[in-house]
Protein backbone atom coordinates (compact mmCIF):
# COMPACT_ATOMS: atom_id res chain seq x y z
CA MET A 1 213.40 39.55 76.34
CA LYS A 2 216.66 41.51 76.36
CA PHE A 3 220.10 39.94 76.39
CA SER A 4 223.75 40.76 75.71
CA ASN A 5 226.12 38.85 73.46
CA GLN A 6 229.31 39.35 71.50
CA ALA A 7 229.15 39.35 67.71
CA ILE A 8 231.47 40.09 64.83
CA LEU A 9 230.66 43.30 63.00
CA THR A 10 231.70 43.14 59.35
CA GLY A 11 230.48 46.53 58.16
CA ILE A 12 228.40 49.63 58.81
CA LYS A 13 226.25 51.53 56.31
CA GLU A 14 224.84 55.02 56.74
CA SER A 15 221.71 55.93 54.77
CA GLN A 16 220.09 59.30 54.61
CA GLY A 17 218.29 61.43 52.10
CA GLU A 18 214.86 61.98 50.66
CA PHE A 19 212.68 59.69 48.56
CA GLU A 20 209.36 60.77 47.09
CA GLY A 21 209.22 63.71 49.47
CA LYS A 22 209.91 61.66 52.61
CA LYS A 23 213.17 61.99 54.51
CA PHE A 24 214.97 58.89 55.76
CA SER A 25 217.94 58.38 58.06
CA SER A 26 219.34 55.11 59.42
CA THR A 27 222.47 53.15 60.19
CA THR A 28 222.74 49.46 59.34
CA PHE A 29 225.15 47.14 61.15
CA HIS A 30 226.13 43.88 59.44
CA LEU A 31 226.74 41.13 62.02
CA ILE A 32 227.83 37.55 61.44
CA VAL A 33 225.19 34.93 62.25
CA ASP A 34 224.98 31.19 61.68
CA VAL A 35 223.42 30.25 58.35
CA ALA A 36 221.11 27.88 60.22
CA GLN A 37 219.47 30.86 61.94
CA SER A 38 218.47 32.43 58.64
CA GLY A 39 216.39 29.70 57.05
CA SER A 40 215.33 26.09 56.90
CA GLY A 41 217.23 23.14 55.50
CA ARG A 42 220.85 22.14 55.87
CA SER A 43 223.58 24.74 56.11
CA ILE A 44 227.27 25.21 56.72
CA GLY A 45 229.06 28.37 57.75
CA GLN A 46 228.02 31.89 58.54
CA VAL A 47 226.49 34.90 56.79
CA THR A 48 226.05 38.54 57.69
CA ARG A 49 222.68 39.85 58.71
CA PRO A 50 221.74 43.53 58.60
CA PHE A 51 220.41 45.17 61.76
CA LYS A 52 219.10 48.75 61.52
CA MET A 53 219.68 50.82 64.62
CA GLY A 54 219.33 54.54 65.15
CA ASP A 55 219.55 57.24 62.54
CA ALA A 56 222.47 58.22 60.29
CA SER A 57 224.17 60.07 63.17
CA GLU A 58 224.97 56.65 64.71
CA PHE A 59 227.53 56.20 61.91
CA GLU A 60 229.55 59.15 63.28
CA LYS A 61 230.42 57.11 66.39
CA TRP A 62 232.23 54.59 64.16
CA LYS A 63 233.94 56.74 61.52
CA ASN A 64 237.29 56.60 63.37
CA TRP A 65 237.47 52.90 62.34
CA ALA A 66 237.46 53.74 58.60
CA GLU A 67 241.25 53.56 58.18
CA LYS A 68 241.83 50.59 60.48
CA TRP A 69 238.90 48.26 59.81
CA PRO A 70 240.05 44.66 60.47
CA THR A 71 239.67 42.29 57.52
CA GLY A 72 237.85 39.65 59.57
CA GLY A 73 235.55 42.16 61.24
CA LEU A 74 235.42 43.71 64.69
CA VAL A 75 234.36 41.90 67.87
CA CYS A 76 231.58 43.92 69.50
CA ASP A 77 229.46 43.83 72.61
CA CYS A 78 225.83 43.88 71.53
CA GLN A 79 222.50 44.28 73.26
CA PHE A 80 219.57 42.54 71.61
CA GLU A 81 215.86 42.18 72.23
CA VAL A 82 213.62 39.36 71.06
CA VAL A 83 210.20 40.76 70.13
CA ALA A 84 207.03 39.32 68.65
CA GLY A 85 206.99 39.62 64.89
CA SER A 86 204.59 38.82 62.11
CA ASP A 87 203.23 35.32 61.50
CA ASN A 88 203.86 34.28 65.13
CA LYS A 89 207.62 34.49 64.58
CA SER A 90 210.03 36.25 66.89
CA GLU A 91 212.34 38.99 65.65
CA LEU A 92 215.78 39.94 66.91
CA LYS A 93 216.35 43.69 67.30
CA LEU A 94 219.70 45.37 67.90
CA LEU A 95 219.42 47.82 70.80
CA GLY A 96 223.07 48.75 71.33
CA ILE A 97 226.52 47.99 69.97
CA LYS A 98 230.08 49.00 70.80
CA PRO A 99 233.56 47.59 70.17
CA ALA A 100 234.50 44.94 72.75
CA ALA A 101 236.84 46.16 75.50
CA SER A 102 239.74 44.42 73.78
CA ALA A 103 238.76 45.92 70.37
CA ALA A 104 240.70 43.02 68.89
CA PRO A 105 240.20 42.21 65.24
CA ALA A 106 238.23 39.03 64.61
CA LYS A 107 240.17 36.12 63.10
CA ALA A 108 239.65 35.73 59.38
CA ALA A 109 237.70 32.61 58.43
């Protein structure tokens, strides 16, 4: 199932190189999620969750934000897909992400 939602992006990490003869290339987006979504038991607040999407070239689309990254993060329009995962659990995959039309900084917590 695919759906769209806004989320706060707190950081982006590019990874590329070679390890034990195998090349790797990815971009990881850190989005704020409710703590309750990341485990069992009681929780308060929010945490960031990493979502890998695309290869390291995806980072290039965001490098213009390096000097003006908002402290509280950046509100983004995201496209997600819920897919079947291991152990009969569903997984949330990031399919697309871009700054929201307003590109307004998120309010600091």
